[in-house]
Amino acid sequence: MNIENLQAIQNELKINIQLKNVFQLSEITLVAGVELAYWSEDKIEYCVCCIVVIDYRTKEIIEQVEYTGEVDFPYIPGYLAFRELPFIIKAVEQLKNISDLYMFDGNGYLHSRHMGIATHASFHLEKPTIGVAKTYLKVGNIDFTMPQNIVGAYTDIVLNGEVYGRALRTRESVKPIFVSCGNWIDIDTATHITMHFVEKDSRLPITIRYADLATHEARRKYKK
């Protein structure tokens, strides 16, 4: 599939993005964190997707699944979803618990065509999504403004008068993370939920942190 076809798919989907809540916060019970990791052996590239489902109120892990396989789609900047979605979908199929919302280690609306992995995946999962990135991938040659060194401080990343995402300070004197809407959620709620899951030992929400730890463990297991 060529770039033009991939872009056409993204452009068709983005028409249906809704940056508003389709739920009440009180309805959120289970939230899933999604992360993927890659490695190569004998010139073959592999990927593992780990999903950790966490109780929104107690913050306890309810379920954890993983799916691994060979990667058959190249890495193309701006089109990561086409590479990762097959693994995400297979992992989701293993879940016994239905999550109300998914959080991804990556971007959502904070993307040149508003179609980061969190947004693209929402149309397949049919659930609200949030993108939480560890680093800023520059969009439209726009830099972010560093937020104040106060927990919860943020600065919006704005291009052509539109908020693409948010640089969020989750811990004092620690680098910010980058939050963006995936779909069916607004940026303030996405920020609130992200901060809800941040604990003192990491700048990342535990949904992403636990999924990230799971991928490292799974990669070690499969590489052996």
Protein backbone atom coordinates (compact mmCIF):
# COMPACT_ATOMS: atom_id res chain seq x y z
CA MET A 1 0.00 0.00 0.00
CA ASN A 2 1.50 3.35 -0.99
CA ILE A 3 1.64 6.56 1.05
CA GLU A 4 -1.22 8.15 -0.88
CA ASN A 5 -3.55 5.28 0.06
CA LEU A 6 -2.49 5.40 3.70
CA GLN A 7 -3.07 9.13 3.81
CA ALA A 8 -6.47 8.72 2.17
CA ILE A 9 -7.50 6.29 4.91
CA GLN A 10 -6.37 8.74 7.61
CA ASN A 11 -8.16 11.66 5.97
CA GLU A 12 -11.37 9.67 5.68
CA LEU A 13 -11.28 8.65 9.34
CA LYS A 14 -10.37 12.05 10.75
CA ILE A 15 -13.67 13.52 9.53
CA ASN A 16 -15.32 11.51 12.32
CA ILE A 17 -13.07 12.60 15.18
CA GLN A 18 -15.00 14.12 18.08
CA LEU A 19 -13.06 16.14 20.63
CA LYS A 20 -15.81 15.98 23.19
CA ASN A 21 -16.81 13.52 25.88
CA VAL A 22 -19.31 10.83 24.97
CA PHE A 23 -19.38 9.63 28.60
CA GLN A 24 -19.67 10.85 32.16
CA LEU A 25 -16.50 10.58 34.21
CA SER A 26 -18.48 8.76 36.88
CA GLU A 27 -19.16 6.01 34.33
CA ILE A 28 -15.47 5.16 33.93
CA THR A 29 -14.69 1.91 35.73
CA LEU A 30 -11.87 0.21 33.81
CA VAL A 31 -9.07 1.91 31.88
CA ALA A 32 -6.57 0.06 29.70
CA GLY A 33 -2.97 1.06 29.03
CA VAL A 34 -1.48 -0.03 25.70
CA GLU A 35 2.21 -0.29 24.82
CA LEU A 36 4.27 -2.09 22.17
CA ALA A 37 7.92 -3.11 21.97
CA TYR A 38 10.06 -4.31 19.07
CA TRP A 39 13.17 -6.41 18.55
CA SER A 40 14.95 -8.21 15.72
CA GLU A 41 16.37 -11.70 15.46
CA ASP A 42 17.92 -13.29 12.38
CA LYS A 43 16.88 -10.28 10.32
CA ILE A 44 13.22 -10.75 11.30
CA GLU A 45 11.47 -7.99 13.22
CA TYR A 46 9.08 -8.91 16.02
CA CYS A 47 6.61 -6.94 18.10
CA VAL A 48 4.78 -7.52 21.35
CA CYS A 49 1.71 -5.58 22.43
CA CYS A 50 0.84 -5.55 26.12
CA ILE A 51 -2.40 -4.25 27.56
CA VAL A 52 -2.91 -3.68 31.27
CA VAL A 53 -6.46 -3.06 32.53
CA ILE A 54 -6.68 -0.98 35.71
CA ASP A 55 -9.58 -0.17 38.01
CA TYR A 56 -10.14 3.59 37.80
CA ARG A 57 -11.09 3.96 41.46
CA THR A 58 -8.73 1.54 43.25
CA LYS A 59 -5.93 1.68 40.65
CA GLU A 60 -5.51 -2.07 40.96
CA ILE A 61 -4.52 -4.21 37.99
CA ILE A 62 -7.54 -6.21 36.88
CA GLU A 63 -6.11 -7.99 33.85
CA GLN A 64 -3.02 -8.14 31.67
CA VAL A 65 -2.65 -9.67 28.19
CA GLU A 66 -0.04 -9.75 25.46
CA TYR A 67 0.23 -10.65 21.80
CA THR A 68 3.42 -11.13 19.82
CA GLY A 69 4.27 -11.86 16.21
CA GLU A 70 6.36 -10.89 13.20
CA VAL A 71 6.12 -7.34 11.88
CA ASP A 72 5.14 -7.13 8.22
CA PHE A 73 4.65 -3.37 7.86
CA PRO A 74 7.61 -0.96 7.65
CA TYR A 75 8.17 1.97 9.98
CA ILE A 76 6.88 5.08 8.20
CA PRO A 77 6.81 8.32 10.24
CA GLY A 78 3.24 9.58 10.54
CA TYR A 79 1.71 6.19 9.73
CA LEU A 80 2.60 4.19 12.84
CA ALA A 81 -0.96 2.96 13.36
CA PHE A 82 -0.83 0.79 10.25
CA ARG A 83 2.17 -1.00 11.73
CA GLU A 84 0.82 -1.40 15.26
CA LEU A 85 -2.93 -1.86 14.91
CA PRO A 86 -2.83 -5.57 13.99
CA PHE A 87 -1.00 -6.34 17.25
CA ILE A 88 -3.28 -4.09 19.31
CA ILE A 89 -6.43 -5.68 17.90
CA LYS A 90 -5.13 -9.21 18.56
CA ALA A 91 -4.24 -8.29 22.14
CA VAL A 92 -7.64 -6.67 22.74
CA GLU A 93 -9.35 -9.83 21.52
CA GLN A 94 -7.79 -11.69 24.45
CA LEU A 95 -9.24 -9.37 27.09
CA LYS A 96 -11.95 -10.79 29.33
CA ASN A 97 -12.84 -7.39 30.76
CA ILE A 98 -14.27 -4.57 28.65
CA SER A 99 -12.42 -1.32 29.24
CA ASP A 100 -14.29 1.97 29.18
CA LEU A 101 -11.30 3.90 27.87
CA TYR A 102 -7.87 3.17 26.37
CA MET A 103 -4.64 5.09 26.96
CA PHE A 104 -1.79 4.72 24.47
CA ASP A 105 1.92 5.35 24.74
CA GLY A 106 1.94 7.70 21.77
CA ASN A 107 0.01 10.54 20.23
CA GLY A 108 -3.57 11.00 19.17
CA TYR A 109 -4.75 14.35 17.84
CA LEU A 110 -1.18 15.64 18.26
CA HIS A 111 -0.29 14.53 14.73
CA SER A 112 0.11 16.30 11.40
CA ARG A 113 -3.21 14.81 10.23
CA HIS A 114 -4.67 14.30 13.73
CA MET A 115 -4.33 10.54 13.25
CA GLY A 116 -1.83 9.33 15.82
CA ILE A 117 -2.16 5.77 17.12
CA ALA A 118 -4.61 6.73 19.91
CA THR A 119 -7.00 8.34 17.45
CA HIS A 120 -6.68 5.76 14.68
CA ALA A 121 -7.16 2.88 17.11
CA SER A 122 -10.34 4.40 18.54
CA PHE A 123 -12.25 3.61 15.36
CA HIS A 124 -11.39 -0.08 15.73
CA LEU A 125 -11.86 -0.28 19.50
CA GLU A 126 -14.99 1.88 19.46
CA LYS A 127 -13.99 3.40 22.80
CA PRO A 128 -12.71 6.81 23.94
CA THR A 129 -8.93 7.05 23.78
CA ILE A 130 -6.07 9.22 25.07
CA GLY A 131 -2.54 9.60 23.73
CA VAL A 132 0.29 10.01 26.25
CA ALA A 133 3.74 10.49 24.71
CA LYS A 134 7.06 10.59 26.57
CA THR A 135 8.65 12.92 24.01
CA TYR A 136 7.39 15.60 21.66
CA LEU A 137 7.30 14.81 17.96
CA LYS A 138 7.22 18.24 16.39
CA VAL A 139 4.08 19.05 14.40
CA GLY A 140 4.08 21.82 11.81
CA ASN A 141 7.53 22.97 12.95
CA ILE A 142 5.93 24.21 16.19
CA ASP A 143 7.88 23.84 19.43
CA PHE A 144 6.14 23.42 22.76
CA THR A 145 6.44 25.88 25.63
CA MET A 146 7.80 24.36 28.81
CA PRO A 147 5.10 24.42 31.53
CA GLN A 148 5.77 25.88 34.97
CA ASN A 149 7.60 23.65 37.42
CA ILE A 150 4.38 22.90 39.29
CA VAL A 151 2.55 19.57 39.35
CA GLY A 152 -0.42 19.82 37.01
CA ALA A 153 0.91 22.83 35.09
CA TYR A 154 0.54 22.64 31.33
CA THR A 155 0.92 24.54 28.10
CA ASP A 156 -1.15 23.88 25.01
CA ILE A 157 0.46 23.04 21.69
CA VAL A 158 -1.42 25.23 19.21
CA LEU A 159 -1.15 25.27 15.43
CA ASN A 160 -3.25 27.58 13.27
CA GLY A 161 -5.38 28.47 16.29
CA GLU A 162 -6.19 24.82 17.07
CA VAL A 163 -5.10 22.90 20.17
CA TYR A 164 -3.32 19.75 19.04
CA GLY A 165 -2.16 18.57 22.45
CA ARG A 166 -0.75 19.58 25.77
CA ALA A 167 2.65 19.55 27.48
CA LEU A 168 1.82 18.43 31.01
CA ARG A 169 4.01 18.63 34.12
CA THR A 170 3.15 15.58 36.20
CA ARG A 171 6.04 15.91 38.67
CA GLU A 172 8.19 18.81 39.79
CA SER A 173 11.63 19.14 38.20
CA VAL A 174 10.90 16.26 35.80
CA LYS A 175 10.38 16.49 32.05
CA PRO A 176 6.76 16.95 30.97
CA ILE A 177 4.71 14.39 29.10
CA PHE A 178 2.54 15.13 26.09
CA VAL A 179 -1.18 14.46 26.31
CA SER A 180 -3.59 14.57 23.40
CA CYS A 181 -7.14 13.50 22.77
CA GLY A 182 -7.55 10.27 20.93
CA ASN A 183 -11.24 10.38 20.19
CA TRP A 184 -14.57 10.96 21.93
CA ILE A 185 -12.96 12.92 24.75
CA ASP A 186 -11.94 16.53 25.36
CA ILE A 187 -8.45 17.70 26.26
CA ASP A 188 -9.35 18.76 29.82
CA THR A 189 -10.83 15.36 30.62
CA ALA A 190 -7.87 13.62 28.99
CA THR A 191 -5.58 15.69 31.22
CA HIS A 192 -7.64 14.96 34.32
CA ILE A 193 -7.62 11.20 33.74
CA THR A 194 -3.89 11.22 33.01
CA MET A 195 -3.14 13.07 36.25
CA HIS A 196 -5.48 10.74 38.15
CA PHE A 197 -3.19 7.83 37.31
CA VAL A 198 0.13 9.55 38.04
CA GLU A 199 1.84 8.37 41.22
CA LYS A 200 4.91 9.67 43.03
CA ASP A 201 7.45 7.24 41.57
CA SER A 202 6.97 8.10 37.88
CA ARG A 203 6.03 10.98 35.60
CA LEU A 204 3.88 8.57 33.57
CA PRO A 205 0.34 7.46 34.45
CA ILE A 206 0.37 3.92 35.77
CA THR A 207 -1.73 2.76 32.84
CA ILE A 208 1.18 3.52 30.51
CA ARG A 209 3.92 2.70 33.00
CA TYR A 210 2.63 -0.78 33.81
CA ALA A 211 2.05 -1.57 30.14
CA ASP A 212 5.57 -0.37 29.36
CA LEU A 213 7.06 -2.59 32.09
CA ALA A 214 5.05 -5.51 30.75
CA THR A 215 6.46 -5.09 27.24
CA HIS A 216 10.03 -5.08 28.56
CA GLU A 217 9.37 -8.28 30.46
CA ALA A 218 7.63 -9.89 27.48
CA ARG A 219 10.44 -8.93 25.13
CA ARG A 220 13.01 -10.50 27.45
CA LYS A 221 10.91 -13.67 27.61
CA TYR A 222 10.42 -14.02 23.87
CA LYS A 223 14.02 -13.15 23.00
CA LYS A 224 15.16 -16.08 25.13
